[in-house]
Amino acid sequence: YLVTPALASFATFTVFWAQGKELQVASVFSTIALLQVLRVSIGKQFAGFIESFPECLVAIARIQKFLIQPEASNAPPPAPTRAAAAALAAASSGVKTTNNNNNNNNN
């Protein structure tokens, strides 16, 4: 990590010199400054990338799971049976019914 700016500068100036151009003090200092700004901004963004990458993977997996599901039909849901309707009515009223046939025989 500490050697990277020096290697980047060396590679940049070597390519510049290999193209037959003359190195001048102004261009060297401005290039070093630009490489430093680039290094700092990439360093900050890389830390954010490392932090948010796992969250991105989870979000992609959730979206894929949602998109893979079969298409919902427009048909209405099936009507509940009498036993299910009685159980629902009893549950909503708070009364526990055990067996409707026994209640009818006792009356």
PDB file of N, CA and C in Angstrom:
ATOM      1  N   TYR A   1       0.829  -1.191   0.000  1.00  0.00           N
ATOM      2  CA  TYR A   1       0.000   0.000   0.000  1.00  0.00           C
ATOM      3  C   TYR A   1       0.872   1.253   0.000  1.00  0.00           C
ATOM      4  N   LEU A   2       1.948   1.229   0.741  1.00  0.00           N
ATOM      5  CA  LEU A   2       2.810   2.411   0.821  1.00  0.00           C
ATOM      6  C   LEU A   2       3.686   2.567  -0.414  1.00  0.00           C
ATOM      7  N   VAL A   3       3.929   1.517  -1.156  1.00  0.00           N
ATOM      8  CA  VAL A   3       4.798   1.566  -2.327  1.00  0.00           C
ATOM      9  C   VAL A   3       4.026   1.944  -3.590  1.00  0.00           C
ATOM     10  N   THR A   4       2.733   1.781  -3.584  1.00  0.00           N
ATOM     11  CA  THR A   4       1.920   1.996  -4.778  1.00  0.00           C
ATOM     12  C   THR A   4       2.075   3.391  -5.382  1.00  0.00           C
ATOM     13  N   PRO A   5       2.039   4.492  -4.611  1.00  0.00           N
ATOM     14  CA  PRO A   5       2.203   5.809  -5.248  1.00  0.00           C
ATOM     15  C   PRO A   5       3.558   5.963  -5.946  1.00  0.00           C
ATOM     16  N   ALA A   6       4.605   5.430  -5.353  1.00  0.00           N
ATOM     17  CA  ALA A   6       5.924   5.535  -5.976  1.00  0.00           C
ATOM     18  C   ALA A   6       5.981   4.713  -7.263  1.00  0.00           C
ATOM     19  N   LEU A   7       5.392   3.512  -7.240  1.00  0.00           N
ATOM     20  CA  LEU A   7       5.373   2.687  -8.448  1.00  0.00           C
ATOM     21  C   LEU A   7       4.537   3.326  -9.553  1.00  0.00           C
ATOM     22  N   ALA A   8       3.407   3.908  -9.185  1.00  0.00           N
ATOM     23  CA  ALA A   8       2.562   4.572 -10.181  1.00  0.00           C
ATOM     24  C   ALA A   8       3.291   5.764 -10.794  1.00  0.00           C
ATOM     25  N   SER A   9       3.959   6.539  -9.976  1.00  0.00           N
ATOM     26  CA  SER A   9       4.718   7.684 -10.491  1.00  0.00           C
ATOM     27  C   SER A   9       5.849   7.207 -11.396  1.00  0.00           C
ATOM     28  N   PHE A  10       6.590   6.194 -10.955  1.00  0.00           N
ATOM     29  CA  PHE A  10       7.694   5.668 -11.747  1.00  0.00           C
ATOM     30  C   PHE A  10       7.205   5.155 -13.100  1.00  0.00           C
ATOM     31  N   ALA A  11       6.106   4.393 -13.100  1.00  0.00           N
ATOM     32  CA  ALA A  11       5.569   3.857 -14.350  1.00  0.00           C
ATOM     33  C   ALA A  11       5.101   4.976 -15.267  1.00  0.00           C
ATOM     34  N   THR A  12       4.456   5.971 -14.706  1.00  0.00           N
ATOM     35  CA  THR A  12       3.946   7.086 -15.501  1.00  0.00           C
ATOM     36  C   THR A  12       5.093   7.848 -16.163  1.00  0.00           C
ATOM     37  N   PHE A  13       6.101   8.161 -15.396  1.00  0.00           N
ATOM     38  CA  PHE A  13       7.216   8.942 -15.945  1.00  0.00           C
ATOM     39  C   PHE A  13       8.083   8.105 -16.881  1.00  0.00           C
ATOM     40  N   THR A  14       8.164   6.815 -16.655  1.00  0.00           N
ATOM     41  CA  THR A  14       8.921   5.945 -17.557  1.00  0.00           C
ATOM     42  C   THR A  14       8.245   5.882 -18.923  1.00  0.00           C
ATOM     43  N   VAL A  15       6.914   5.727 -18.930  1.00  0.00           N
ATOM     44  CA  VAL A  15       6.179   5.712 -20.199  1.00  0.00           C
ATOM     45  C   VAL A  15       6.305   7.061 -20.892  1.00  0.00           C
ATOM     46  N   PHE A  16       6.217   8.141 -20.134  1.00  0.00           N
ATOM     47  CA  PHE A  16       6.343   9.489 -20.694  1.00  0.00           C
ATOM     48  C   PHE A  16       7.720   9.649 -21.348  1.00  0.00           C
ATOM     49  N   TRP A  17       8.767   9.208 -20.655  1.00  0.00           N
ATOM     50  CA  TRP A  17      10.136   9.329 -21.166  1.00  0.00           C
ATOM     51  C   TRP A  17      10.359   8.397 -22.362  1.00  0.00           C
ATOM     52  N   ALA A  18       9.740   7.170 -22.333  1.00  0.00           N
ATOM     53  CA  ALA A  18       9.911   6.210 -23.418  1.00  0.00           C
ATOM     54  C   ALA A  18       9.278   6.703 -24.713  1.00  0.00           C
ATOM     55  N   GLN A  19       8.298   7.578 -24.613  1.00  0.00           N
ATOM     56  CA  GLN A  19       7.667   8.139 -25.810  1.00  0.00           C
ATOM     57  C   GLN A  19       8.522   9.240 -26.428  1.00  0.00           C
ATOM     58  N   GLY A  20       9.648   9.542 -25.795  1.00  0.00           N
ATOM     59  CA  GLY A  20      10.568  10.536 -26.351  1.00  0.00           C
ATOM     60  C   GLY A  20      10.268  11.951 -25.905  1.00  0.00           C
ATOM     61  N   LYS A  21       9.428  12.115 -24.904  1.00  0.00           N
ATOM     62  CA  LYS A  21       9.093  13.456 -24.420  1.00  0.00           C
ATOM     63  C   LYS A  21      10.057  13.837 -23.307  1.00  0.00           C
ATOM     64  N   GLU A  22      10.238  15.133 -23.133  1.00  0.00           N
ATOM     65  CA  GLU A  22      11.169  15.639 -22.122  1.00  0.00           C
ATOM     66  C   GLU A  22      10.419  15.914 -20.821  1.00  0.00           C
ATOM     67  N   LEU A  23      10.966  15.423 -19.721  1.00  0.00           N
ATOM     68  CA  LEU A  23      10.368  15.664 -18.401  1.00  0.00           C
ATOM     69  C   LEU A  23      10.737  17.070 -17.937  1.00  0.00           C
ATOM     70  N   GLN A  24       9.713  17.824 -17.545  1.00  0.00           N
ATOM     71  CA  GLN A  24       9.930  19.166 -17.010  1.00  0.00           C
ATOM     72  C   GLN A  24       9.418  19.194 -15.573  1.00  0.00           C
ATOM     73  N   VAL A  25       9.974  20.102 -14.791  1.00  0.00           N
ATOM     74  CA  VAL A  25       9.641  20.161 -13.368  1.00  0.00           C
ATOM     75  C   VAL A  25       8.142  20.418 -13.167  1.00  0.00           C
ATOM     76  N   ALA A  26       7.558  21.315 -13.927  1.00  0.00           N
ATOM     77  CA  ALA A  26       6.136  21.657 -13.764  1.00  0.00           C
ATOM     78  C   ALA A  26       5.239  20.453 -14.047  1.00  0.00           C
ATOM     79  N   SER A  27       5.555  19.724 -15.106  1.00  0.00           N
ATOM     80  CA  SER A  27       4.707  18.568 -15.436  1.00  0.00           C
ATOM     81  C   SER A  27       4.902  17.439 -14.426  1.00  0.00           C
ATOM     82  N   VAL A  28       6.120  17.278 -13.880  1.00  0.00           N
ATOM     83  CA  VAL A  28       6.368  16.239 -12.885  1.00  0.00           C
ATOM     84  C   VAL A  28       5.584  16.524 -11.613  1.00  0.00           C
ATOM     85  N   PHE A  29       5.658  17.763 -11.108  1.00  0.00           N
ATOM     86  CA  PHE A  29       4.942  18.097  -9.866  1.00  0.00           C
ATOM     87  C   PHE A  29       3.427  18.028 -10.033  1.00  0.00           C
ATOM     88  N   SER A  30       2.933  18.500 -11.149  1.00  0.00           N
ATOM     89  CA  SER A  30       1.480  18.444 -11.348  1.00  0.00           C
ATOM     90  C   SER A  30       1.012  16.993 -11.503  1.00  0.00           C
ATOM     91  N   THR A  31       1.804  16.149 -12.149  1.00  0.00           N
ATOM     92  CA  THR A  31       1.442  14.745 -12.293  1.00  0.00           C
ATOM     93  C   THR A  31       1.450  14.034 -10.944  1.00  0.00           C
ATOM     94  N   ILE A  32       2.453  14.307 -10.133  1.00  0.00           N
ATOM     95  CA  ILE A  32       2.513  13.698  -8.795  1.00  0.00           C
ATOM     96  C   ILE A  32       1.312  14.145  -7.962  1.00  0.00           C
ATOM     97  N   ALA A  33       0.937  15.421  -8.060  1.00  0.00           N
ATOM     98  CA  ALA A  33      -0.217  15.921  -7.317  1.00  0.00           C
ATOM     99  C   ALA A  33      -1.506  15.235  -7.771  1.00  0.00           C
ATOM    100  N   LEU A  34      -1.663  15.079  -9.089  1.00  0.00           N
ATOM    101  CA  LEU A  34      -2.864  14.414  -9.605  1.00  0.00           C
ATOM    102  C   LEU A  34      -2.906  12.941  -9.199  1.00  0.00           C
ATOM    103  N   LEU A  35      -1.775  12.268  -9.208  1.00  0.00           N
ATOM    104  CA  LEU A  35      -1.745  10.876  -8.760  1.00  0.00           C
ATOM    105  C   LEU A  35      -2.093  10.757  -7.277  1.00  0.00           C
ATOM    106  N   GLN A  36      -1.659  11.719  -6.487  1.00  0.00           N
ATOM    107  CA  GLN A  36      -1.982  11.715  -5.050  1.00  0.00           C
ATOM    108  C   GLN A  36      -3.484  11.919  -4.829  1.00  0.00           C
ATOM    109  N   VAL A  37      -4.073  12.856  -5.561  1.00  0.00           N
ATOM    110  CA  VAL A  37      -5.524  13.070  -5.443  1.00  0.00           C
ATOM    111  C   VAL A  37      -6.283  11.820  -5.852  1.00  0.00           C
ATOM    112  N   LEU A  38      -5.830  11.183  -6.914  1.00  0.00           N
ATOM    113  CA  LEU A  38      -6.464   9.951  -7.374  1.00  0.00           C
ATOM    114  C   LEU A  38      -6.344   8.854  -6.324  1.00  0.00           C
ATOM    115  N   ARG A  39      -5.192   8.707  -5.712  1.00  0.00           N
ATOM    116  CA  ARG A  39      -4.973   7.678  -4.698  1.00  0.00           C
ATOM    117  C   ARG A  39      -5.876   7.897  -3.487  1.00  0.00           C
ATOM    118  N   VAL A  40      -5.995   9.142  -3.029  1.00  0.00           N
ATOM    119  CA  VAL A  40      -6.816   9.429  -1.856  1.00  0.00           C
ATOM    120  C   VAL A  40      -8.292   9.187  -2.151  1.00  0.00           C
ATOM    121  N   SER A  41      -8.754   9.646  -3.304  1.00  0.00           N
ATOM    122  CA  SER A  41     -10.182   9.467  -3.617  1.00  0.00           C
ATOM    123  C   SER A  41     -10.521   7.995  -3.830  1.00  0.00           C
ATOM    124  N   ILE A  42      -9.643   7.244  -4.472  1.00  0.00           N
ATOM    125  CA  ILE A  42      -9.905   5.813  -4.650  1.00  0.00           C
ATOM    126  C   ILE A  42      -9.875   5.103  -3.312  1.00  0.00           C
ATOM    127  N   GLY A  43      -8.978   5.494  -2.427  1.00  0.00           N
ATOM    128  CA  GLY A  43      -8.900   4.882  -1.104  1.00  0.00           C
ATOM    129  C   GLY A  43     -10.177   5.067  -0.308  1.00  0.00           C
ATOM    130  N   LYS A  44     -10.737   6.252  -0.374  1.00  0.00           N
ATOM    131  CA  LYS A  44     -11.992   6.512   0.345  1.00  0.00           C
ATOM    132  C   LYS A  44     -13.145   5.722  -0.265  1.00  0.00           C
ATOM    133  N   GLN A  45     -13.218   5.691  -1.578  1.00  0.00           N
ATOM    134  CA  GLN A  45     -14.305   4.980  -2.240  1.00  0.00           C
ATOM    135  C   GLN A  45     -14.172   3.471  -2.065  1.00  0.00           C
ATOM    136  N   PHE A  46     -12.958   2.970  -2.008  1.00  0.00           N
ATOM    137  CA  PHE A  46     -12.748   1.532  -1.836  1.00  0.00           C
ATOM    138  C   PHE A  46     -13.259   1.071  -0.478  1.00  0.00           C
ATOM    139  N   ALA A  47     -13.050   1.875   0.549  1.00  0.00           N
ATOM    140  CA  ALA A  47     -13.559   1.520   1.879  1.00  0.00           C
ATOM    141  C   ALA A  47     -15.089   1.462   1.872  1.00  0.00           C
ATOM    142  N   GLY A  48     -15.723   2.401   1.212  1.00  0.00           N
ATOM    143  CA  GLY A  48     -17.181   2.375   1.097  1.00  0.00           C
ATOM    144  C   GLY A  48     -17.669   1.183   0.292  1.00  0.00           C
ATOM    145  N   PHE A  49     -16.914   0.824  -0.736  1.00  0.00           N
ATOM    146  CA  PHE A  49     -17.265  -0.339  -1.545  1.00  0.00           C
ATOM    147  C   PHE A  49     -17.204  -1.618  -0.712  1.00  0.00           C
ATOM    148  N   ILE A  50     -16.156  -1.760   0.072  1.00  0.00           N
ATOM    149  CA  ILE A  50     -16.000  -2.942   0.917  1.00  0.00           C
ATOM    150  C   ILE A  50     -17.149  -3.016   1.924  1.00  0.00           C
ATOM    151  N   GLU A  51     -17.596  -1.879   2.397  1.00  0.00           N
ATOM    152  CA  GLU A  51     -18.679  -1.838   3.389  1.00  0.00           C
ATOM    153  C   GLU A  51     -20.032  -2.188   2.777  1.00  0.00           C
ATOM    154  N   SER A  52     -20.305  -1.698   1.576  1.00  0.00           N
ATOM    155  CA  SER A  52     -21.639  -1.862   1.005  1.00  0.00           C
ATOM    156  C   SER A  52     -21.766  -3.049   0.056  1.00  0.00           C
ATOM    157  N   PHE A  53     -20.679  -3.696  -0.322  1.00  0.00           N
ATOM    158  CA  PHE A  53     -20.747  -4.812  -1.264  1.00  0.00           C
ATOM    159  C   PHE A  53     -21.584  -5.979  -0.739  1.00  0.00           C
ATOM    160  N   PRO A  54     -21.427  -6.414   0.522  1.00  0.00           N
ATOM    161  CA  PRO A  54     -22.281  -7.510   1.019  1.00  0.00           C
ATOM    162  C   PRO A  54     -23.772  -7.149   1.016  1.00  0.00           C
ATOM    163  N   GLU A  55     -24.094  -5.908   1.331  1.00  0.00           N
ATOM    164  CA  GLU A  55     -25.492  -5.472   1.295  1.00  0.00           C
ATOM    165  C   GLU A  55     -26.034  -5.535  -0.122  1.00  0.00           C
ATOM    166  N   CYS A  56     -25.203  -5.197  -1.086  1.00  0.00           N
ATOM    167  CA  CYS A  56     -25.607  -5.254  -2.493  1.00  0.00           C
ATOM    168  C   CYS A  56     -25.881  -6.694  -2.915  1.00  0.00           C
ATOM    169  N   LEU A  57     -25.055  -7.618  -2.480  1.00  0.00           N
ATOM    170  CA  LEU A  57     -25.267  -9.031  -2.813  1.00  0.00           C
ATOM    171  C   LEU A  57     -26.582  -9.548  -2.239  1.00  0.00           C
ATOM    172  N   VAL A  58     -26.904  -9.164  -1.006  1.00  0.00           N
ATOM    173  CA  VAL A  58     -28.160  -9.581  -0.381  1.00  0.00           C
ATOM    174  C   VAL A  58     -29.351  -9.003  -1.142  1.00  0.00           C
ATOM    175  N   ALA A  59     -29.252  -7.735  -1.526  1.00  0.00           N
ATOM    176  CA  ALA A  59     -30.348  -7.109  -2.269  1.00  0.00           C
ATOM    177  C   ALA A  59     -30.559  -7.779  -3.619  1.00  0.00           C
ATOM    178  N   ILE A  60     -29.483  -8.108  -4.299  1.00  0.00           N
ATOM    179  CA  ILE A  60     -29.598  -8.787  -5.600  1.00  0.00           C
ATOM    180  C   ILE A  60     -30.233 -10.161  -5.431  1.00  0.00           C
ATOM    181  N   ALA A  61     -29.842 -10.877  -4.393  1.00  0.00           N
ATOM    182  CA  ALA A  61     -30.428 -12.198  -4.151  1.00  0.00           C
ATOM    183  C   ALA A  61     -31.925 -12.089  -3.868  1.00  0.00           C
ATOM    184  N   ARG A  62     -32.333 -11.091  -3.106  1.00  0.00           N
ATOM    185  CA  ARG A  62     -33.764 -10.913  -2.809  1.00  0.00           C
ATOM    186  C   ARG A  62     -34.546 -10.567  -4.063  1.00  0.00           C
ATOM    187  N   ILE A  63     -33.990  -9.701  -4.892  1.00  0.00           N
ATOM    188  CA  ILE A  63     -34.680  -9.321  -6.135  1.00  0.00           C
ATOM    189  C   ILE A  63     -34.799 -10.524  -7.057  1.00  0.00           C
ATOM    190  N   GLN A  64     -33.728 -11.323  -7.175  1.00  0.00           N
ATOM    191  CA  GLN A  64     -33.788 -12.518  -8.014  1.00  0.00           C
ATOM    192  C   GLN A  64     -34.831 -13.504  -7.496  1.00  0.00           C
ATOM    193  N   LYS A  65     -34.883 -13.690  -6.187  1.00  0.00           N
ATOM    194  CA  LYS A  65     -35.865 -14.610  -5.601  1.00  0.00           C
ATOM    195  C   LYS A  65     -37.286 -14.139  -5.920  1.00  0.00           C
ATOM    196  N   PHE A  66     -37.507 -12.833  -5.857  1.00  0.00           N
ATOM    197  CA  PHE A  66     -38.822 -12.277  -6.157  1.00  0.00           C
ATOM    198  C   PHE A  66     -39.168 -12.458  -7.634  1.00  0.00           C
ATOM    199  N   LEU A  67     -38.206 -12.197  -8.509  1.00  0.00           N
ATOM    200  CA  LEU A  67     -38.476 -12.270  -9.941  1.00  0.00           C
ATOM    201  C   LEU A  67     -38.640 -13.701 -10.447  1.00  0.00           C
ATOM    202  N   ILE A  68     -38.086 -14.672  -9.746  1.00  0.00           N
ATOM    203  CA  ILE A  68     -38.193 -16.068 -10.163  1.00  0.00           C
ATOM    204  C   ILE A  68     -39.555 -16.657  -9.810  1.00  0.00           C
ATOM    205  N   GLN A  69     -40.259 -16.069  -8.877  1.00  0.00           N
ATOM    206  CA  GLN A  69     -41.554 -16.611  -8.448  1.00  0.00           C
ATOM    207  C   GLN A  69     -42.528 -16.664  -9.617  1.00  0.00           C
ATOM    208  N   PRO A  70     -43.441 -17.668  -9.604  1.00  0.00           N
ATOM    209  CA  PRO A  70     -44.406 -17.774 -10.703  1.00  0.00           C
ATOM    210  C   PRO A  70     -45.394 -16.607 -10.678  1.00  0.00           C
ATOM    211  N   GLU A  71     -45.961 -16.386 -11.822  1.00  0.00           N
ATOM    212  CA  GLU A  71     -46.922 -15.290 -11.970  1.00  0.00           C
ATOM    213  C   GLU A  71     -48.190 -15.593 -11.180  1.00  0.00           C
ATOM    214  N   ALA A  72     -48.729 -14.608 -10.493  1.00  0.00           N
ATOM    215  CA  ALA A  72     -49.966 -14.784  -9.732  1.00  0.00           C
ATOM    216  C   ALA A  72     -51.149 -14.782 -10.695  1.00  0.00           C
ATOM    217  N   SER A  73     -52.136 -15.625 -10.414  1.00  0.00           N
ATOM    218  CA  SER A  73     -53.317 -15.665 -11.276  1.00  0.00           C
ATOM    219  C   SER A  73     -54.337 -14.634 -10.808  1.00  0.00           C
ATOM    220  N   ASN A  74     -55.235 -14.280 -11.699  1.00  0.00           N
ATOM    221  CA  ASN A  74     -56.281 -13.306 -11.383  1.00  0.00           C
ATOM    222  C   ASN A  74     -57.525 -13.964 -10.819  1.00  0.00           C
ATOM    223  N   ALA A  75     -57.507 -15.279 -10.652  1.00  0.00           N
ATOM    224  CA  ALA A  75     -58.675 -16.002 -10.135  1.00  0.00           C
ATOM    225  C   ALA A  75     -58.878 -15.658  -8.666  1.00  0.00           C
ATOM    226  N   PRO A  76     -60.141 -15.564  -8.232  1.00  0.00           N
ATOM    227  CA  PRO A  76     -60.390 -15.271  -6.813  1.00  0.00           C
ATOM    228  C   PRO A  76     -59.968 -16.462  -5.954  1.00  0.00           C
ATOM    229  N   PRO A  77     -59.641 -16.207  -4.710  1.00  0.00           N
ATOM    230  CA  PRO A  77     -59.244 -17.323  -3.843  1.00  0.00           C
ATOM    231  C   PRO A  77     -60.429 -18.252  -3.613  1.00  0.00           C
ATOM    232  N   PRO A  78     -60.183 -19.518  -3.332  1.00  0.00           N
ATOM    233  CA  PRO A  78     -61.296 -20.451  -3.122  1.00  0.00           C
ATOM    234  C   PRO A  78     -62.097 -20.082  -1.877  1.00  0.00           C
ATOM    235  N   ALA A  79     -63.385 -20.367  -1.936  1.00  0.00           N
ATOM    236  CA  ALA A  79     -64.271 -20.067  -0.809  1.00  0.00           C
ATOM    237  C   ALA A  79     -63.947 -20.999   0.353  1.00  0.00           C
ATOM    238  N   PRO A  80     -64.005 -20.501   1.583  1.00  0.00           N
ATOM    239  CA  PRO A  80     -63.702 -21.374   2.728  1.00  0.00           C
ATOM    240  C   PRO A  80     -64.810 -22.400   2.927  1.00  0.00           C
ATOM    241  N   THR A  81     -64.447 -23.527   3.471  1.00  0.00           N
ATOM    242  CA  THR A  81     -65.434 -24.573   3.758  1.00  0.00           C
ATOM    243  C   THR A  81     -66.236 -24.165   4.992  1.00  0.00           C
ATOM    244  N   ARG A  82     -67.316 -24.904   5.266  1.00  0.00           N
ATOM    245  CA  ARG A  82     -68.152 -24.579   6.431  1.00  0.00           C
ATOM    246  C   ARG A  82     -67.367 -24.736   7.727  1.00  0.00           C
ATOM    247  N   ALA A  83     -66.550 -25.772   7.809  1.00  0.00           N
ATOM    248  CA  ALA A  83     -65.775 -26.000   9.031  1.00  0.00           C
ATOM    249  C   ALA A  83     -64.772 -24.867   9.245  1.00  0.00           C
ATOM    250  N   ALA A  84     -64.120 -24.437   8.154  1.00  0.00           N
ATOM    251  CA  ALA A  84     -63.154 -23.351   8.274  1.00  0.00           C
ATOM    252  C   ALA A  84     -63.846 -22.042   8.640  1.00  0.00           C
ATOM    253  N   ALA A  85     -65.033 -21.788   8.062  1.00  0.00           N
ATOM    254  CA  ALA A  85     -65.781 -20.578   8.384  1.00  0.00           C
ATOM    255  C   ALA A  85     -66.225 -20.586   9.845  1.00  0.00           C
ATOM    256  N   ALA A  86     -66.669 -21.759  10.348  1.00  0.00           N
ATOM    257  CA  ALA A  86     -67.090 -21.852  11.743  1.00  0.00           C
ATOM    258  C   ALA A  86     -65.908 -21.645  12.680  1.00  0.00           C
ATOM    259  N   ALA A  87     -64.765 -22.213  12.345  1.00  0.00           N
ATOM    260  CA  ALA A  87     -63.573 -22.038  13.177  1.00  0.00           C
ATOM    261  C   ALA A  87     -63.133 -20.581  13.177  1.00  0.00           C
ATOM    262  N   LEU A  88     -63.214 -19.922  12.027  1.00  0.00           N
ATOM    263  CA  LEU A  88     -62.845 -18.512  11.940  1.00  0.00           C
ATOM    264  C   LEU A  88     -63.801 -17.652  12.752  1.00  0.00           C
ATOM    265  N   ALA A  89     -65.105 -17.947  12.676  1.00  0.00           N
ATOM    266  CA  ALA A  89     -66.080 -17.183  13.444  1.00  0.00           C
ATOM    267  C   ALA A  89     -65.875 -17.392  14.937  1.00  0.00           C
ATOM    268  N   ALA A  90     -65.584 -18.617  15.335  1.00  0.00           N
ATOM    269  CA  ALA A  90     -65.372 -18.911  16.752  1.00  0.00           C
ATOM    270  C   ALA A  90     -64.099 -18.242  17.257  1.00  0.00           C
ATOM    271  N   ALA A  91     -63.073 -18.239  16.439  1.00  0.00           N
ATOM    272  CA  ALA A  91     -61.808 -17.617  16.841  1.00  0.00           C
ATOM    273  C   ALA A  91     -61.960 -16.108  16.970  1.00  0.00           C
ATOM    274  N   SER A  92     -62.759 -15.502  16.100  1.00  0.00           N
ATOM    275  CA  SER A  92     -62.922 -14.051  16.171  1.00  0.00           C
ATOM    276  C   SER A  92     -63.822 -13.638  17.330  1.00  0.00           C
ATOM    277  N   SER A  93     -64.739 -14.513  17.754  1.00  0.00           N
ATOM    278  CA  SER A  93     -65.613 -14.167  18.873  1.00  0.00           C
ATOM    279  C   SER A  93     -65.007 -14.563  20.212  1.00  0.00           C
ATOM    280  N   GLY A  94     -63.972 -15.386  20.196  1.00  0.00           N
ATOM    281  CA  GLY A  94     -63.336 -15.797  21.432  1.00  0.00           C
ATOM    282  C   GLY A  94     -63.966 -17.022  22.048  1.00  0.00           C
ATOM    283  N   VAL A  95     -64.955 -17.623  21.403  1.00  0.00           N
ATOM    284  CA  VAL A  95     -65.633 -18.813  21.903  1.00  0.00           C
ATOM    285  C   VAL A  95     -64.959 -20.029  21.289  1.00  0.00           C
ATOM    286  N   LYS A  96     -64.689 -21.017  22.129  1.00  0.00           N
ATOM    287  CA  LYS A  96     -64.057 -22.225  21.640  1.00  0.00           C
ATOM    288  C   LYS A  96     -65.135 -23.266  21.372  1.00  0.00           C
ATOM    289  N   THR A  97     -65.187 -23.743  20.145  1.00  0.00           N
ATOM    290  CA  THR A  97     -66.145 -24.795  19.801  1.00  0.00           C
ATOM    291  C   THR A  97     -65.370 -26.071  19.587  1.00  0.00           C
ATOM    292  N   THR A  98     -65.866 -27.146  20.149  1.00  0.00           N
ATOM    293  CA  THR A  98     -65.178 -28.431  20.013  1.00  0.00           C
ATOM    294  C   THR A  98     -65.767 -29.241  18.875  1.00  0.00           C
ATOM    295  N   ASN A  99     -67.066 -29.475  18.934  1.00  0.00           N
ATOM    296  CA  ASN A  99     -67.696 -30.267  17.898  1.00  0.00           C
ATOM    297  C   ASN A  99     -69.119 -29.755  17.745  1.00  0.00           C
ATOM    298  N   ASN A 100     -69.450 -29.298  16.557  1.00  0.00           N
ATOM    299  CA  ASN A 100     -70.784 -28.727  16.334  1.00  0.00           C
ATOM    300  C   ASN A 100     -71.876 -29.781  16.445  1.00  0.00           C
ATOM    301  N   ASN A 101     -71.607 -31.031  16.098  1.00  0.00           N
ATOM    302  CA  ASN A 101     -72.631 -32.073  16.157  1.00  0.00           C
ATOM    303  C   ASN A 101     -73.020 -32.362  17.608  1.00  0.00           C
ATOM    304  N   ASN A 102     -72.090 -32.374  18.527  1.00  0.00           N
ATOM    305  CA  ASN A 102     -72.404 -32.619  19.942  1.00  0.00           C
ATOM    306  C   ASN A 102     -73.239 -31.499  20.518  1.00  0.00           C
ATOM    307  N   ASN A 103     -72.964 -30.262  20.110  1.00  0.00           N
ATOM    308  CA  ASN A 103     -73.753 -29.124  20.593  1.00  0.00           C
ATOM    309  C   ASN A 103     -75.187 -29.204  20.088  1.00  0.00           C
ATOM    310  N   ASN A 104     -75.377 -29.649  18.850  1.00  0.00           N
ATOM    311  CA  ASN A 104     -76.720 -29.727  18.294  1.00  0.00           C
ATOM    312  C   ASN A 104     -77.495 -30.867  18.936  1.00  0.00           C
ATOM    313  N   ASN A 105     -76.872 -31.964  19.311  1.00  0.00           N
ATOM    314  CA  ASN A 105     -77.561 -33.093  19.926  1.00  0.00           C
ATOM    315  C   ASN A 105     -77.993 -32.777  21.334  1.00  0.00           C
ATOM    316  N   ASN A 106     -77.255 -31.952  22.045  1.00  0.00           N
ATOM    317  CA  ASN A 106     -77.600 -31.614  23.426  1.00  0.00           C
ATOM    318  C   ASN A 106     -78.768 -30.648  23.477  1.00  0.00           C
ATOM    319  N   ASN A 107     -79.043 -29.900  22.468  1.00  0.00           N
ATOM    320  CA  ASN A 107     -80.112 -28.922  22.501  1.00  0.00           C
ATOM    321  C   ASN A 107     -81.410 -29.535  22.268  1.00  0.00           C
TER     322      ASN A 107
END
